[in-house]
PDB file of N, CA and C in Angstrom:
ATOM      1  N   MET A   1      81.635  87.990  85.066  1.00  0.00           N
ATOM      2  CA  MET A   1      83.043  87.813  85.066  1.00  0.00           C
ATOM      3  C   MET A   1      83.615  89.632  85.688  1.00  0.00           C
ATOM      4  N   THR A   2      84.503  88.824  86.926  1.00  0.00           N
ATOM      5  CA  THR A   2      85.790  90.213  87.573  1.00  0.00           C
ATOM      6  C   THR A   2      86.393  90.123  86.720  1.00  0.00           C
ATOM      7  N   ASP A   3      87.253  90.996  87.475  1.00  0.00           N
ATOM      8  CA  ASP A   3      88.619  91.489  86.644  1.00  0.00           C
ATOM      9  C   ASP A   3      89.340  91.087  88.347  1.00  0.00           C
ATOM     10  N   TYR A   4      89.112  90.897  89.353  1.00  0.00           N
ATOM     11  CA  TYR A   4      89.475  91.329  90.898  1.00  0.00           C
ATOM     12  C   TYR A   4      88.720  90.119  91.911  1.00  0.00           C
ATOM     13  N   ASP A   5      89.370  88.854  92.169  1.00  0.00           N
ATOM     14  CA  ASP A   5      88.891  88.105  93.409  1.00  0.00           C
ATOM     15  C   ASP A   5      89.642  88.171  94.543  1.00  0.00           C
ATOM     16  N   PRO A   6      88.742  88.537  95.530  1.00  0.00           N
ATOM     17  CA  PRO A   6      89.601  88.894  96.738  1.00  0.00           C
ATOM     18  C   PRO A   6      90.006  87.834  97.110  1.00  0.00           C
ATOM     19  N   PRO A   7      90.412  87.374  98.143  1.00  0.00           N
ATOM     20  CA  PRO A   7      91.422  86.510  99.142  1.00  0.00           C
ATOM     21  C   PRO A   7      89.815  86.193 100.222  1.00  0.00           C
ATOM     22  N   PHE A   8      89.105  87.128 100.690  1.00  0.00           N
ATOM     23  CA  PHE A   8      88.018  87.092 101.478  1.00  0.00           C
ATOM     24  C   PHE A   8      86.961  87.989 101.517  1.00  0.00           C
ATOM     25  N   ALA A   9      85.512  87.286 102.018  1.00  0.00           N
ATOM     26  CA  ALA A   9      84.728  87.644 101.489  1.00  0.00           C
ATOM     27  C   ALA A   9      84.939  89.435 102.445  1.00  0.00           C
ATOM     28  N   PHE A  10      83.902  90.441 102.034  1.00  0.00           N
ATOM     29  CA  PHE A  10      83.676  91.534 102.915  1.00  0.00           C
ATOM     30  C   PHE A  10      82.527  91.422 103.993  1.00  0.00           C
ATOM     31  N   THR A  11      82.711  91.479 104.814  1.00  0.00           N
ATOM     32  CA  THR A  11      81.730  91.102 105.959  1.00  0.00           C
ATOM     33  C   THR A  11      81.270  92.621 106.980  1.00  0.00           C
ATOM     34  N   GLY A  12      81.812  93.619 106.231  1.00  0.00           N
ATOM     35  CA  GLY A  12      81.638  94.810 107.041  1.00  0.00           C
ATOM     36  C   GLY A  12      80.117  95.408 106.684  1.00  0.00           C
ATOM     37  N   THR A  13      79.895  96.761 107.156  1.00  0.00           N
ATOM     38  CA  THR A  13      79.006  97.576 106.429  1.00  0.00           C
ATOM     39  C   THR A  13      79.518  98.663 106.500  1.00  0.00           C
ATOM     40  N   ILE A  14      79.140  99.234 105.076  1.00  0.00           N
ATOM     41  CA  ILE A  14      79.203 100.822 104.458  1.00  0.00           C
ATOM     42  C   ILE A  14      78.538 101.665 104.832  1.00  0.00           C
ATOM     43  N   LYS A  15      78.856 102.281 105.849  1.00  0.00           N
ATOM     44  CA  LYS A  15      77.380 102.968 106.305  1.00  0.00           C
ATOM     45  C   LYS A  15      77.902 104.796 105.602  1.00  0.00           C
ATOM     46  N   LYS A  16      79.294 105.406 105.112  1.00  0.00           N
ATOM     47  CA  LYS A  16      78.818 106.614 104.018  1.00  0.00           C
ATOM     48  C   LYS A  16      80.328 106.632 103.267  1.00  0.00           C
ATOM     49  N   ALA A  17      80.087 107.266 101.636  1.00  0.00           N
ATOM     50  CA  ALA A  17      80.487 107.189 100.838  1.00  0.00           C
ATOM     51  C   ALA A  17      80.847 108.878 100.765  1.00  0.00           C
ATOM     52  N   LEU A  18      82.560 109.021 100.656  1.00  0.00           N
ATOM     53  CA  LEU A  18      82.285 110.512 100.040  1.00  0.00           C
ATOM     54  C   LEU A  18      83.306 110.624  98.490  1.00  0.00           C
ATOM     55  N   VAL A  19      82.288 111.491  98.045  1.00  0.00           N
ATOM     56  CA  VAL A  19      82.904 111.649  96.429  1.00  0.00           C
ATOM     57  C   VAL A  19      83.233 113.088  96.143  1.00  0.00           C
ATOM     58  N   ASP A  20      84.651 112.970  96.663  1.00  0.00           N
ATOM     59  CA  ASP A  20      85.456 114.276  95.969  1.00  0.00           C
ATOM     60  C   ASP A  20      84.985 114.475  94.269  1.00  0.00           C
ATOM     61  N   VAL A  21      84.739 115.376  94.122  1.00  0.00           N
ATOM     62  CA  VAL A  21      84.626 116.059  92.366  1.00  0.00           C
ATOM     63  C   VAL A  21      85.120 117.380  92.409  1.00  0.00           C
ATOM     64  N   SER A  22      85.960 118.045  93.279  1.00  0.00           N
ATOM     65  CA  SER A  22      86.016 119.169  92.962  1.00  0.00           C
ATOM     66  C   SER A  22      87.889 118.902  91.890  1.00  0.00           C
ATOM     67  N   GLY A  23      87.915 120.163  91.464  1.00  0.00           N
ATOM     68  CA  GLY A  23      89.714 119.827  90.409  1.00  0.00           C
ATOM     69  C   GLY A  23      89.100 119.917  89.053  1.00  0.00           C
ATOM     70  N   GLU A  24      89.998 119.940  88.491  1.00  0.00           N
ATOM     71  CA  GLU A  24      89.579 120.139  86.651  1.00  0.00           C
ATOM     72  C   GLU A  24      88.955 119.010  86.074  1.00  0.00           C
ATOM     73  N   PRO A  25      87.834 118.667  85.480  1.00  0.00           N
ATOM     74  CA  PRO A  25      87.349 117.472  84.935  1.00  0.00           C
ATOM     75  C   PRO A  25      88.408 117.312  83.827  1.00  0.00           C
ATOM     76  N   ILE A  26      88.028 115.500  83.583  1.00  0.00           N
ATOM     77  CA  ILE A  26      89.236 115.060  82.589  1.00  0.00           C
ATOM     78  C   ILE A  26      88.018 114.803  81.378  1.00  0.00           C
ATOM     79  N   GLU A  27      88.972 115.295  80.609  1.00  0.00           N
ATOM     80  CA  GLU A  27      88.216 114.947  78.801  1.00  0.00           C
ATOM     81  C   GLU A  27      88.536 114.063  78.059  1.00  0.00           C
ATOM     82  N   ASP A  28      87.593 112.956  77.879  1.00  0.00           N
ATOM     83  CA  ASP A  28      88.257 111.629  76.731  1.00  0.00           C
ATOM     84  C   ASP A  28      87.937 112.481  75.573  1.00  0.00           C
ATOM     85  N   ARG A  29      88.449 112.876  74.881  1.00  0.00           N
ATOM     86  CA  ARG A  29      88.426 113.404  73.572  1.00  0.00           C
ATOM     87  C   ARG A  29      88.085 111.665  72.625  1.00  0.00           C
ATOM     88  N   GLU A  30      88.606 110.779  72.783  1.00  0.00           N
ATOM     89  CA  GLU A  30      88.682 110.188  72.047  1.00  0.00           C
ATOM     90  C   GLU A  30      87.081 108.958  71.851  1.00  0.00           C
ATOM     91  N   ALA A  31      87.074 109.308  73.403  1.00  0.00           N
ATOM     92  CA  ALA A  31      85.757 108.708  73.628  1.00  0.00           C
ATOM     93  C   ALA A  31      84.709 109.437  72.852  1.00  0.00           C
ATOM     94  N   GLN A  32      84.788 111.045  73.168  1.00  0.00           N
ATOM     95  CA  GLN A  32      83.655 111.970  72.652  1.00  0.00           C
ATOM     96  C   GLN A  32      83.489 112.178  71.483  1.00  0.00           C
ATOM     97  N   VAL A  33      84.513 111.680  70.288  1.00  0.00           N
ATOM     98  CA  VAL A  33      85.004 110.726  68.661  1.00  0.00           C
ATOM     99  C   VAL A  33      83.928 110.057  68.812  1.00  0.00           C
ATOM    100  N   ARG A  34      84.092 108.772  69.357  1.00  0.00           N
ATOM    101  CA  ARG A  34      83.511 107.707  69.023  1.00  0.00           C
ATOM    102  C   ARG A  34      81.961 107.732  69.749  1.00  0.00           C
ATOM    103  N   MET A  35      81.469 108.943  70.317  1.00  0.00           N
ATOM    104  CA  MET A  35      79.820 109.069  70.739  1.00  0.00           C
ATOM    105  C   MET A  35      79.744 110.268  69.380  1.00  0.00           C
ATOM    106  N   TYR A  36      80.283 111.047  68.893  1.00  0.00           N
ATOM    107  CA  TYR A  36      79.534 111.871  67.908  1.00  0.00           C
ATOM    108  C   TYR A  36      79.454 110.559  66.237  1.00  0.00           C
ATOM    109  N   LEU A  37      80.396 109.845  66.097  1.00  0.00           N
ATOM    110  CA  LEU A  37      80.179 109.225  64.875  1.00  0.00           C
ATOM    111  C   LEU A  37      79.153 108.080  65.231  1.00  0.00           C
ATOM    112  N   ALA A  38      79.081 107.343  66.213  1.00  0.00           N
ATOM    113  CA  ALA A  38      78.050 105.959  66.137  1.00  0.00           C
ATOM    114  C   ALA A  38      76.800 107.111  66.308  1.00  0.00           C
ATOM    115  N   ARG A  39      76.554 108.457  66.124  1.00  0.00           N
ATOM    116  CA  ARG A  39      75.625 109.103  66.120  1.00  0.00           C
ATOM    117  C   ARG A  39      75.038 109.270  64.558  1.00  0.00           C
ATOM    118  N   GLN A  40      75.654 108.975  64.026  1.00  0.00           N
ATOM    119  CA  GLN A  40      75.539 109.076  62.430  1.00  0.00           C
ATOM    120  C   GLN A  40      75.253 107.987  61.936  1.00  0.00           C
TER     121      GLN A  40
END
């Protein structure tokens, strides 16, 4: 199941993808608490 159905198929070629990881990291405190509780 997908949340997005495009109106047409992508027929191109992706030759390069750049990911910028600079900046302040985002912390999901609720996810951290769920993870710690799941370990117990």
